Amino acid sequence: MMLEPARLRDFAERYTGAWCSQNAPSVAAFFASNGSLSVNGAPAVGRSAMTEVAQGFMTAFPDMHLLMDDIVVQGDRAVRPQGRLCANRLTSRRFRQRCQGRGA
């Protein structure tokens, strides 16, 4: 299957936006109902468990902002987005807008 770069980037940007939203169910919605998510530990399996993990991370970092810098592709697979996490109350307006999908 050929990966379409524009669609892949759109997906990755929406996923990044979900993490920035402080809405844990929106993160879990990107996964299959039996999918798994690992954040600093054993994988959480299923959307309910993934929502709990995402919420825990969001609670620990309430002012979290994630930026997606690039996407790593190996062969016909997108392996992972490359990004940066910023949990800083002094984050610039431009940075927040980019994180929220409103441009730079």
PDB file of N, CA and C in Angstrom:
ATOM      1  N   MET A   1       0.838  -1.168   0.000  1.00  0.00           N
ATOM      2  CA  MET A   1       0.000   0.000   0.000  1.00  0.00           C
ATOM      3  C   MET A   1       0.894   1.246   0.000  1.00  0.00           C
ATOM      4  N   MET A   2       0.606   2.167  -0.871  1.00  0.00           N
ATOM      5  CA  MET A   2       1.370   3.404  -0.976  1.00  0.00           C
ATOM      6  C   MET A   2       0.817   4.429   0.009  1.00  0.00           C
ATOM      7  N   LEU A   3       1.687   4.991   0.831  1.00  0.00           N
ATOM      8  CA  LEU A   3       1.258   6.007   1.777  1.00  0.00           C
ATOM      9  C   LEU A   3       1.156   7.354   1.073  1.00  0.00           C
ATOM     10  N   GLU A   4       0.051   8.033   1.274  1.00  0.00           N
ATOM     11  CA  GLU A   4      -0.121   9.367   0.715  1.00  0.00           C
ATOM     12  C   GLU A   4       0.363  10.372   1.759  1.00  0.00           C
ATOM     13  N   PRO A   5       1.465  11.069   1.486  1.00  0.00           N
ATOM     14  CA  PRO A   5       2.054  11.969   2.485  1.00  0.00           C
ATOM     15  C   PRO A   5       1.084  12.998   3.052  1.00  0.00           C
ATOM     16  N   ALA A   6       0.249  13.595   2.237  1.00  0.00           N
ATOM     17  CA  ALA A   6      -0.675  14.626   2.729  1.00  0.00           C
ATOM     18  C   ALA A   6      -1.701  14.029   3.695  1.00  0.00           C
ATOM     19  N   ARG A   7      -2.226  12.864   3.388  1.00  0.00           N
ATOM     20  CA  ARG A   7      -3.208  12.216   4.275  1.00  0.00           C
ATOM     21  C   ARG A   7      -2.551  11.758   5.567  1.00  0.00           C
ATOM     22  N   LEU A   8      -1.340  11.248   5.455  1.00  0.00           N
ATOM     23  CA  LEU A   8      -0.604  10.795   6.627  1.00  0.00           C
ATOM     24  C   LEU A   8      -0.302  11.981   7.553  1.00  0.00           C
ATOM     25  N   ARG A   9       0.147  13.092   6.985  1.00  0.00           N
ATOM     26  CA  ARG A   9       0.443  14.291   7.776  1.00  0.00           C
ATOM     27  C   ARG A   9      -0.837  14.812   8.433  1.00  0.00           C
ATOM     28  N   ASP A  10      -1.953  14.825   7.694  1.00  0.00           N
ATOM     29  CA  ASP A  10      -3.228  15.276   8.249  1.00  0.00           C
ATOM     30  C   ASP A  10      -3.615  14.419   9.456  1.00  0.00           C
ATOM     31  N   PHE A  11      -3.489  13.113   9.311  1.00  0.00           N
ATOM     32  CA  PHE A  11      -3.813  12.196  10.411  1.00  0.00           C
ATOM     33  C   PHE A  11      -2.924  12.483  11.623  1.00  0.00           C
ATOM     34  N   ALA A  12      -1.619  12.620  11.380  1.00  0.00           N
ATOM     35  CA  ALA A  12      -0.680  12.859  12.473  1.00  0.00           C
ATOM     36  C   ALA A  12      -0.962  14.201  13.155  1.00  0.00           C
ATOM     37  N   GLU A  13      -1.323  15.212  12.395  1.00  0.00           N
ATOM     38  CA  GLU A  13      -1.645  16.518  12.983  1.00  0.00           C
ATOM     39  C   GLU A  13      -2.923  16.451  13.811  1.00  0.00           C
ATOM     40  N   ARG A  14      -3.921  15.703  13.342  1.00  0.00           N
ATOM     41  CA  ARG A  14      -5.157  15.553  14.121  1.00  0.00           C
ATOM     42  C   ARG A  14      -4.901  14.770  15.405  1.00  0.00           C
ATOM     43  N   TYR A  15      -4.045  13.750  15.334  1.00  0.00           N
ATOM     44  CA  TYR A  15      -3.692  12.959  16.520  1.00  0.00           C
ATOM     45  C   TYR A  15      -2.940  13.828  17.530  1.00  0.00           C
ATOM     46  N   THR A  16      -2.013  14.634  17.044  1.00  0.00           N
ATOM     47  CA  THR A  16      -1.291  15.560  17.903  1.00  0.00           C
ATOM     48  C   THR A  16      -2.270  16.534  18.552  1.00  0.00           C
ATOM     49  N   GLY A  17      -3.217  17.037  17.772  1.00  0.00           N
ATOM     50  CA  GLY A  17      -4.238  17.940  18.301  1.00  0.00           C
ATOM     51  C   GLY A  17      -5.083  17.299  19.381  1.00  0.00           C
ATOM     52  N   ALA A  18      -5.360  16.002  19.238  1.00  0.00           N
ATOM     53  CA  ALA A  18      -6.134  15.286  20.258  1.00  0.00           C
ATOM     54  C   ALA A  18      -5.378  15.287  21.586  1.00  0.00           C
ATOM     55  N   TRP A  19      -4.079  15.058  21.545  1.00  0.00           N
ATOM     56  CA  TRP A  19      -3.277  15.093  22.774  1.00  0.00           C
ATOM     57  C   TRP A  19      -3.254  16.494  23.375  1.00  0.00           C
ATOM     58  N   CYS A  20      -3.271  17.506  22.556  1.00  0.00           N
ATOM     59  CA  CYS A  20      -3.255  18.893  23.043  1.00  0.00           C
ATOM     60  C   CYS A  20      -4.611  19.325  23.590  1.00  0.00           C
ATOM     61  N   SER A  21      -5.656  18.611  23.276  1.00  0.00           N
ATOM     62  CA  SER A  21      -7.017  19.040  23.589  1.00  0.00           C
ATOM     63  C   SER A  21      -7.419  18.877  25.051  1.00  0.00           C
ATOM     64  N   GLN A  22      -6.671  18.098  25.814  1.00  0.00           N
ATOM     65  CA  GLN A  22      -7.051  17.749  27.187  1.00  0.00           C
ATOM     66  C   GLN A  22      -8.373  16.976  27.207  1.00  0.00           C
ATOM     67  N   ASN A  23      -8.686  16.289  26.107  1.00  0.00           N
ATOM     68  CA  ASN A  23      -9.888  15.468  25.986  1.00  0.00           C
ATOM     69  C   ASN A  23      -9.432  14.041  25.695  1.00  0.00           C
ATOM     70  N   ALA A  24      -9.253  13.253  26.751  1.00  0.00           N
ATOM     71  CA  ALA A  24      -8.682  11.916  26.623  1.00  0.00           C
ATOM     72  C   ALA A  24      -9.453  10.997  25.666  1.00  0.00           C
ATOM     73  N   PRO A  25     -10.786  11.011  25.657  1.00  0.00           N
ATOM     74  CA  PRO A  25     -11.493  10.148  24.707  1.00  0.00           C
ATOM     75  C   PRO A  25     -11.148  10.461  23.245  1.00  0.00           C
ATOM     76  N   SER A  26     -10.791  11.717  22.957  1.00  0.00           N
ATOM     77  CA  SER A  26     -10.450  12.051  21.572  1.00  0.00           C
ATOM     78  C   SER A  26      -9.138  11.389  21.155  1.00  0.00           C
ATOM     79  N   VAL A  27      -8.251  11.121  22.100  1.00  0.00           N
ATOM     80  CA  VAL A  27      -7.018  10.376  21.795  1.00  0.00           C
ATOM     81  C   VAL A  27      -7.372   8.925  21.501  1.00  0.00           C
ATOM     82  N   ALA A  28      -8.145   8.314  22.368  1.00  0.00           N
ATOM     83  CA  ALA A  28      -8.517   6.905  22.212  1.00  0.00           C
ATOM     84  C   ALA A  28      -9.300   6.664  20.921  1.00  0.00           C
ATOM     85  N   ALA A  29     -10.036   7.659  20.459  1.00  0.00           N
ATOM     86  CA  ALA A  29     -10.849   7.509  19.246  1.00  0.00           C
ATOM     87  C   ALA A  29     -10.002   7.266  17.998  1.00  0.00           C
ATOM     88  N   PHE A  30      -8.706   7.557  18.050  1.00  0.00           N
ATOM     89  CA  PHE A  30      -7.829   7.326  16.904  1.00  0.00           C
ATOM     90  C   PHE A  30      -7.445   5.856  16.747  1.00  0.00           C
ATOM     91  N   PHE A  31      -7.766   5.031  17.725  1.00  0.00           N
ATOM     92  CA  PHE A  31      -7.367   3.632  17.734  1.00  0.00           C
ATOM     93  C   PHE A  31      -8.558   2.720  17.471  1.00  0.00           C
ATOM     94  N   ALA A  32      -8.273   1.526  16.989  1.00  0.00           N
ATOM     95  CA  ALA A  32      -9.304   0.498  16.857  1.00  0.00           C
ATOM     96  C   ALA A  32      -9.833   0.167  18.250  1.00  0.00           C
ATOM     97  N   SER A  33     -11.032  -0.352  18.339  1.00  0.00           N
ATOM     98  CA  SER A  33     -11.635  -0.631  19.645  1.00  0.00           C
ATOM     99  C   SER A  33     -10.794  -1.600  20.472  1.00  0.00           C
ATOM    100  N   ASN A  34     -10.010  -2.442  19.826  1.00  0.00           N
ATOM    101  CA  ASN A  34      -9.145  -3.379  20.550  1.00  0.00           C
ATOM    102  C   ASN A  34      -7.671  -2.973  20.442  1.00  0.00           C
ATOM    103  N   GLY A  35      -7.413  -1.716  20.075  1.00  0.00           N
ATOM    104  CA  GLY A  35      -6.043  -1.217  19.926  1.00  0.00           C
ATOM    105  C   GLY A  35      -5.360  -1.067  21.272  1.00  0.00           C
ATOM    106  N   SER A  36      -4.089  -0.689  21.231  1.00  0.00           N
ATOM    107  CA  SER A  36      -3.350  -0.498  22.469  1.00  0.00           C
ATOM    108  C   SER A  36      -2.508   0.765  22.400  1.00  0.00           C
ATOM    109  N   LEU A  37      -2.248   1.326  23.573  1.00  0.00           N
ATOM    110  CA  LEU A  37      -1.478   2.555  23.717  1.00  0.00           C
ATOM    111  C   LEU A  37      -0.542   2.375  24.894  1.00  0.00           C
ATOM    112  N   SER A  38       0.723   2.679  24.695  1.00  0.00           N
ATOM    113  CA  SER A  38       1.701   2.611  25.783  1.00  0.00           C
ATOM    114  C   SER A  38       2.243   4.005  26.051  1.00  0.00           C
ATOM    115  N   VAL A  39       2.132   4.437  27.283  1.00  0.00           N
ATOM    116  CA  VAL A  39       2.730   5.686  27.729  1.00  0.00           C
ATOM    117  C   VAL A  39       3.485   5.366  29.010  1.00  0.00           C
ATOM    118  N   ASN A  40       4.792   5.243  28.897  1.00  0.00           N
ATOM    119  CA  ASN A  40       5.654   4.999  30.059  1.00  0.00           C
ATOM    120  C   ASN A  40       5.263   3.747  30.845  1.00  0.00           C
ATOM    121  N   GLY A  41       4.891   2.692  30.172  1.00  0.00           N
ATOM    122  CA  GLY A  41       4.545   1.476  30.892  1.00  0.00           C
ATOM    123  C   GLY A  41       3.916   0.435  29.998  1.00  0.00           C
ATOM    124  N   ALA A  42       3.244  -0.504  30.632  1.00  0.00           N
ATOM    125  CA  ALA A  42       2.585  -1.586  29.909  1.00  0.00           C
ATOM    126  C   ALA A  42       1.468  -1.025  29.044  1.00  0.00           C
ATOM    127  N   PRO A  43       1.179  -1.674  27.925  1.00  0.00           N
ATOM    128  CA  PRO A  43       0.131  -1.166  27.040  1.00  0.00           C
ATOM    129  C   PRO A  43      -1.259  -1.235  27.670  1.00  0.00           C
ATOM    130  N   ALA A  44      -2.038  -0.204  27.403  1.00  0.00           N
ATOM    131  CA  ALA A  44      -3.446  -0.181  27.770  1.00  0.00           C
ATOM    132  C   ALA A  44      -4.199  -0.684  26.542  1.00  0.00           C
ATOM    133  N   VAL A  45      -5.015  -1.711  26.706  1.00  0.00           N
ATOM    134  CA  VAL A  45      -5.714  -2.337  25.586  1.00  0.00           C
ATOM    135  C   VAL A  45      -7.197  -1.977  25.644  1.00  0.00           C
ATOM    136  N   GLY A  46      -7.716  -1.493  24.522  1.00  0.00           N
ATOM    137  CA  GLY A  46      -9.111  -1.094  24.429  1.00  0.00           C
ATOM    138  C   GLY A  46      -9.260   0.404  24.666  1.00  0.00           C
ATOM    139  N   ARG A  47     -10.306   0.971  24.095  1.00  0.00           N
ATOM    140  CA  ARG A  47     -10.479   2.427  24.174  1.00  0.00           C
ATOM    141  C   ARG A  47     -10.673   2.934  25.600  1.00  0.00           C
ATOM    142  N   SER A  48     -11.369   2.183  26.415  1.00  0.00           N
ATOM    143  CA  SER A  48     -11.587   2.618  27.795  1.00  0.00           C
ATOM    144  C   SER A  48     -10.259   2.714  28.540  1.00  0.00           C
ATOM    145  N   ALA A  49      -9.442   1.685  28.403  1.00  0.00           N
ATOM    146  CA  ALA A  49      -8.130   1.688  29.060  1.00  0.00           C
ATOM    147  C   ALA A  49      -7.222   2.767  28.477  1.00  0.00           C
ATOM    148  N   MET A  50      -7.289   2.953  27.162  1.00  0.00           N
ATOM    149  CA  MET A  50      -6.474   4.002  26.541  1.00  0.00           C
ATOM    150  C   MET A  50      -6.912   5.387  27.018  1.00  0.00           C
ATOM    151  N   THR A  51      -8.212   5.578  27.189  1.00  0.00           N
ATOM    152  CA  THR A  51      -8.725   6.851  27.704  1.00  0.00           C
ATOM    153  C   THR A  51      -8.181   7.112  29.096  1.00  0.00           C
ATOM    154  N   GLU A  52      -8.147   6.084  29.932  1.00  0.00           N
ATOM    155  CA  GLU A  52      -7.617   6.241  31.291  1.00  0.00           C
ATOM    156  C   GLU A  52      -6.146   6.627  31.271  1.00  0.00           C
ATOM    157  N   VAL A  53      -5.360   5.993  30.421  1.00  0.00           N
ATOM    158  CA  VAL A  53      -3.932   6.310  30.331  1.00  0.00           C
ATOM    159  C   VAL A  53      -3.741   7.739  29.839  1.00  0.00           C
ATOM    160  N   ALA A  54      -4.449   8.101  28.786  1.00  0.00           N
ATOM    161  CA  ALA A  54      -4.333   9.459  28.247  1.00  0.00           C
ATOM    162  C   ALA A  54      -4.765  10.484  29.291  1.00  0.00           C
ATOM    163  N   GLN A  55      -5.853  10.198  30.012  1.00  0.00           N
ATOM    164  CA  GLN A  55      -6.326  11.131  31.035  1.00  0.00           C
ATOM    165  C   GLN A  55      -5.302  11.278  32.147  1.00  0.00           C
ATOM    166  N   GLY A  56      -4.681  10.186  32.543  1.00  0.00           N
ATOM    167  CA  GLY A  56      -3.647  10.256  33.572  1.00  0.00           C
ATOM    168  C   GLY A  56      -2.490  11.137  33.145  1.00  0.00           C
ATOM    169  N   PHE A  57      -2.084  11.013  31.899  1.00  0.00           N
ATOM    170  CA  PHE A  57      -0.996  11.825  31.367  1.00  0.00           C
ATOM    171  C   PHE A  57      -1.421  13.292  31.303  1.00  0.00           C
ATOM    172  N   MET A  58      -2.659  13.527  30.864  1.00  0.00           N
ATOM    173  CA  MET A  58      -3.164  14.897  30.752  1.00  0.00           C
ATOM    174  C   MET A  58      -3.333  15.540  32.130  1.00  0.00           C
ATOM    175  N   THR A  59      -3.718  14.742  33.118  1.00  0.00           N
ATOM    176  CA  THR A  59      -3.860  15.259  34.486  1.00  0.00           C
ATOM    177  C   THR A  59      -2.491  15.612  35.061  1.00  0.00           C
ATOM    178  N   ALA A  60      -1.512  14.768  34.779  1.00  0.00           N
ATOM    179  CA  ALA A  60      -0.157  15.021  35.271  1.00  0.00           C
ATOM    180  C   ALA A  60       0.469  16.252  34.615  1.00  0.00           C
ATOM    181  N   PHE A  61       0.089  16.524  33.372  1.00  0.00           N
ATOM    182  CA  PHE A  61       0.638  17.656  32.612  1.00  0.00           C
ATOM    183  C   PHE A  61      -0.520  18.491  32.053  1.00  0.00           C
ATOM    184  N   PRO A  62      -1.221  19.235  32.904  1.00  0.00           N
ATOM    185  CA  PRO A  62      -2.423  19.945  32.445  1.00  0.00           C
ATOM    186  C   PRO A  62      -2.166  21.042  31.416  1.00  0.00           C
ATOM    187  N   ASP A  63      -0.946  21.537  31.343  1.00  0.00           N
ATOM    188  CA  ASP A  63      -0.650  22.573  30.354  1.00  0.00           C
ATOM    189  C   ASP A  63       0.221  22.026  29.224  1.00  0.00           C
ATOM    190  N   MET A  64       0.071  20.732  28.970  1.00  0.00           N
ATOM    191  CA  MET A  64       0.859  20.046  27.947  1.00  0.00           C
ATOM    192  C   MET A  64       0.536  20.559  26.548  1.00  0.00           C
ATOM    193  N   HIS A  65       1.573  20.731  25.766  1.00  0.00           N
ATOM    194  CA  HIS A  65       1.442  21.050  24.346  1.00  0.00           C
ATOM    195  C   HIS A  65       2.384  20.119  23.602  1.00  0.00           C
ATOM    196  N   LEU A  66       1.904  19.487  22.592  1.00  0.00           N
ATOM    197  CA  LEU A  66       2.697  18.558  21.800  1.00  0.00           C
ATOM    198  C   LEU A  66       2.793  19.108  20.388  1.00  0.00           C
ATOM    199  N   LEU A  67       3.977  19.105  19.831  1.00  0.00           N
ATOM    200  CA  LEU A  67       4.179  19.515  18.446  1.00  0.00           C
ATOM    201  C   LEU A  67       4.662  18.318  17.646  1.00  0.00           C
ATOM    202  N   MET A  68       4.081  18.115  16.492  1.00  0.00           N
ATOM    203  CA  MET A  68       4.522  17.068  15.584  1.00  0.00           C
ATOM    204  C   MET A  68       5.476  17.701  14.586  1.00  0.00           C
ATOM    205  N   ASP A  69       6.740  17.306  14.648  1.00  0.00           N
ATOM    206  CA  ASP A  69       7.760  17.878  13.773  1.00  0.00           C
ATOM    207  C   ASP A  69       7.870  17.139  12.444  1.00  0.00           C
ATOM    208  N   ASP A  70       7.741  15.828  12.484  1.00  0.00           N
ATOM    209  CA  ASP A  70       7.947  15.036  11.285  1.00  0.00           C
ATOM    210  C   ASP A  70       7.334  13.664  11.491  1.00  0.00           C
ATOM    211  N   ILE A  71       7.286  12.882  10.431  1.00  0.00           N
ATOM    212  CA  ILE A  71       6.776  11.514  10.476  1.00  0.00           C
ATOM    213  C   ILE A  71       7.870  10.595   9.968  1.00  0.00           C
ATOM    214  N   VAL A  72       8.130   9.523  10.697  1.00  0.00           N
ATOM    215  CA  VAL A  72       9.141   8.554  10.280  1.00  0.00           C
ATOM    216  C   VAL A  72       8.449   7.455   9.488  1.00  0.00           C
ATOM    217  N   VAL A  73       8.893   7.251   8.257  1.00  0.00           N
ATOM    218  CA  VAL A  73       8.332   6.215   7.386  1.00  0.00           C
ATOM    219  C   VAL A  73       9.431   5.210   7.081  1.00  0.00           C
ATOM    220  N   GLN A  74       9.106   3.937   7.234  1.00  0.00           N
ATOM    221  CA  GLN A  74      10.022   2.857   6.887  1.00  0.00           C
ATOM    222  C   GLN A  74       9.302   1.949   5.897  1.00  0.00           C
ATOM    223  N   GLY A  75       9.768   1.961   4.660  1.00  0.00           N
ATOM    224  CA  GLY A  75       9.110   1.164   3.627  1.00  0.00           C
ATOM    225  C   GLY A  75       7.709   1.665   3.385  1.00  0.00           C
ATOM    226  N   ASP A  76       6.730   0.790   3.558  1.00  0.00           N
ATOM    227  CA  ASP A  76       5.333   1.174   3.342  1.00  0.00           C
ATOM    228  C   ASP A  76       4.586   1.398   4.654  1.00  0.00           C
ATOM    229  N   ARG A  77       5.332   1.697   5.738  1.00  0.00           N
ATOM    230  CA  ARG A  77       4.709   1.905   7.047  1.00  0.00           C
ATOM    231  C   ARG A  77       5.135   3.229   7.663  1.00  0.00           C
ATOM    232  N   ALA A  78       4.184   3.916   8.243  1.00  0.00           N
ATOM    233  CA  ALA A  78       4.500   5.075   9.076  1.00  0.00           C
ATOM    234  C   ALA A  78       4.795   4.519  10.456  1.00  0.00           C
ATOM    235  N   VAL A  79       6.002   4.687  10.901  1.00  0.00           N
ATOM    236  CA  VAL A  79       6.428   4.089  12.153  1.00  0.00           C
ATOM    237  C   VAL A  79       5.962   4.912  13.344  1.00  0.00           C
ATOM    238  N   ARG A  80       6.193   6.217  13.275  1.00  0.00           N
ATOM    239  CA  ARG A  80       5.770   7.081  14.368  1.00  0.00           C
ATOM    240  C   ARG A  80       5.961   8.538  13.963  1.00  0.00           C
ATOM    241  N   PRO A  81       5.172   9.408  14.578  1.00  0.00           N
ATOM    242  CA  PRO A  81       5.452  10.829  14.389  1.00  0.00           C
ATOM    243  C   PRO A  81       6.610  11.228  15.284  1.00  0.00           C
ATOM    244  N   GLN A  82       7.402  12.153  14.834  1.00  0.00           N
ATOM    245  CA  GLN A  82       8.472  12.727  15.654  1.00  0.00           C
ATOM    246  C   GLN A  82       7.942  14.036  16.203  1.00  0.00           C
ATOM    247  N   GLY A  83       8.055  14.250  17.481  1.00  0.00           N
ATOM    248  CA  GLY A  83       7.521  15.483  18.021  1.00  0.00           C
ATOM    249  C   GLY A  83       8.207  15.913  19.295  1.00  0.00           C
ATOM    250  N   ARG A  84       7.686  16.983  19.845  1.00  0.00           N
ATOM    251  CA  ARG A  84       8.203  17.546  21.084  1.00  0.00           C
ATOM    252  C   ARG A  84       7.054  17.762  22.036  1.00  0.00           C
ATOM    253  N   LEU A  85       7.334  17.550  23.307  1.00  0.00           N
ATOM    254  CA  LEU A  85       6.357  17.779  24.354  1.00  0.00           C
ATOM    255  C   LEU A  85       6.790  18.999  25.143  1.00  0.00           C
ATOM    256  N   CYS A  86       5.876  19.904  25.351  1.00  0.00           N
ATOM    257  CA  CYS A  86       6.158  21.076  26.167  1.00  0.00           C
ATOM    258  C   CYS A  86       5.055  21.195  27.204  1.00  0.00           C
ATOM    259  N   ALA A  87       5.425  21.154  28.463  1.00  0.00           N
ATOM    260  CA  ALA A  87       4.457  21.331  29.545  1.00  0.00           C
ATOM    261  C   ALA A  87       4.898  22.556  30.334  1.00  0.00           C
ATOM    262  N   ASN A  88       4.639  23.709  29.788  1.00  0.00           N
ATOM    263  CA  ASN A  88       5.152  24.949  30.345  1.00  0.00           C
ATOM    264  C   ASN A  88       4.081  26.024  30.261  1.00  0.00           C
ATOM    265  N   ARG A  89       3.751  26.615  31.365  1.00  0.00           N
ATOM    266  CA  ARG A  89       2.720  27.656  31.386  1.00  0.00           C
ATOM    267  C   ARG A  89       3.129  28.905  30.610  1.00  0.00           C
ATOM    268  N   LEU A  90       4.396  29.066  30.313  1.00  0.00           N
ATOM    269  CA  LEU A  90       4.864  30.258  29.631  1.00  0.00           C
ATOM    270  C   LEU A  90       4.994  30.052  28.128  1.00  0.00           C
ATOM    271  N   THR A  91       4.358  29.013  27.621  1.00  0.00           N
ATOM    272  CA  THR A  91       4.421  28.712  26.196  1.00  0.00           C
ATOM    273  C   THR A  91       3.879  29.888  25.384  1.00  0.00           C
ATOM    274  N   SER A  92       4.574  30.214  24.314  1.00  0.00           N
ATOM    275  CA  SER A  92       4.184  31.370  23.507  1.00  0.00           C
ATOM    276  C   SER A  92       2.850  31.161  22.801  1.00  0.00           C
ATOM    277  N   ARG A  93       2.197  32.266  22.464  1.00  0.00           N
ATOM    278  CA  ARG A  93       0.915  32.216  21.749  1.00  0.00           C
ATOM    279  C   ARG A  93       1.077  31.489  20.419  1.00  0.00           C
ATOM    280  N   ARG A  94       2.157  31.778  19.699  1.00  0.00           N
ATOM    281  CA  ARG A  94       2.397  31.141  18.403  1.00  0.00           C
ATOM    282  C   ARG A  94       2.506  29.625  18.559  1.00  0.00           C
ATOM    283  N   PHE A  95       3.208  29.179  19.589  1.00  0.00           N
ATOM    284  CA  PHE A  95       3.367  27.754  19.853  1.00  0.00           C
ATOM    285  C   PHE A  95       2.011  27.119  20.141  1.00  0.00           C
ATOM    286  N   ARG A  96       1.194  27.774  20.983  1.00  0.00           N
ATOM    287  CA  ARG A  96      -0.129  27.238  21.316  1.00  0.00           C
ATOM    288  C   ARG A  96      -1.007  27.155  20.077  1.00  0.00           C
ATOM    289  N   GLN A  97      -0.982  28.190  19.227  1.00  0.00           N
ATOM    290  CA  GLN A  97      -1.806  28.187  18.024  1.00  0.00           C
ATOM    291  C   GLN A  97      -1.407  27.033  17.113  1.00  0.00           C
ATOM    292  N   ARG A  98      -0.117  26.802  16.962  1.00  0.00           N
ATOM    293  CA  ARG A  98       0.347  25.712  16.112  1.00  0.00           C
ATOM    294  C   ARG A  98      -0.107  24.374  16.679  1.00  0.00           C
ATOM    295  N   CYS A  99      -0.048  24.238  17.991  1.00  0.00           N
ATOM    296  CA  CYS A  99      -0.469  23.013  18.646  1.00  0.00           C
ATOM    297  C   CYS A  99      -1.965  22.794  18.478  1.00  0.00           C
ATOM    298  N   GLN A 100      -2.716  23.866  18.442  1.00  0.00           N
ATOM    299  CA  GLN A 100      -4.165  23.764  18.316  1.00  0.00           C
ATOM    300  C   GLN A 100      -4.621  23.725  16.869  1.00  0.00           C
ATOM    301  N   GLY A 101      -3.664  23.663  15.934  1.00  0.00           N
ATOM    302  CA  GLY A 101      -4.019  23.531  14.534  1.00  0.00           C
ATOM    303  C   GLY A 101      -4.448  24.818  13.872  1.00  0.00           C
ATOM    304  N   ARG A 102      -4.035  25.950  14.400  1.00  0.00           N
ATOM    305  CA  ARG A 102      -4.437  27.230  13.817  1.00  0.00           C
ATOM    306  C   ARG A 102      -3.284  27.908  13.089  1.00  0.00           C
ATOM    307  N   GLY A 103      -2.299  27.159  12.684  1.00  0.00           N
ATOM    308  CA  GLY A 103      -1.200  27.734  11.925  1.00  0.00           C
ATOM    309  C   GLY A 103      -0.118  28.303  12.809  1.00  0.00           C
ATOM    310  N   ALA A 104       0.954  28.780  12.180  1.00  0.00           N
ATOM    311  CA  ALA A 104       2.103  29.246  12.947  1.00  0.00           C
ATOM    312  C   ALA A 104       2.068  30.687  13.224  1.00  0.00           C
TER     313      ALA A 104
END
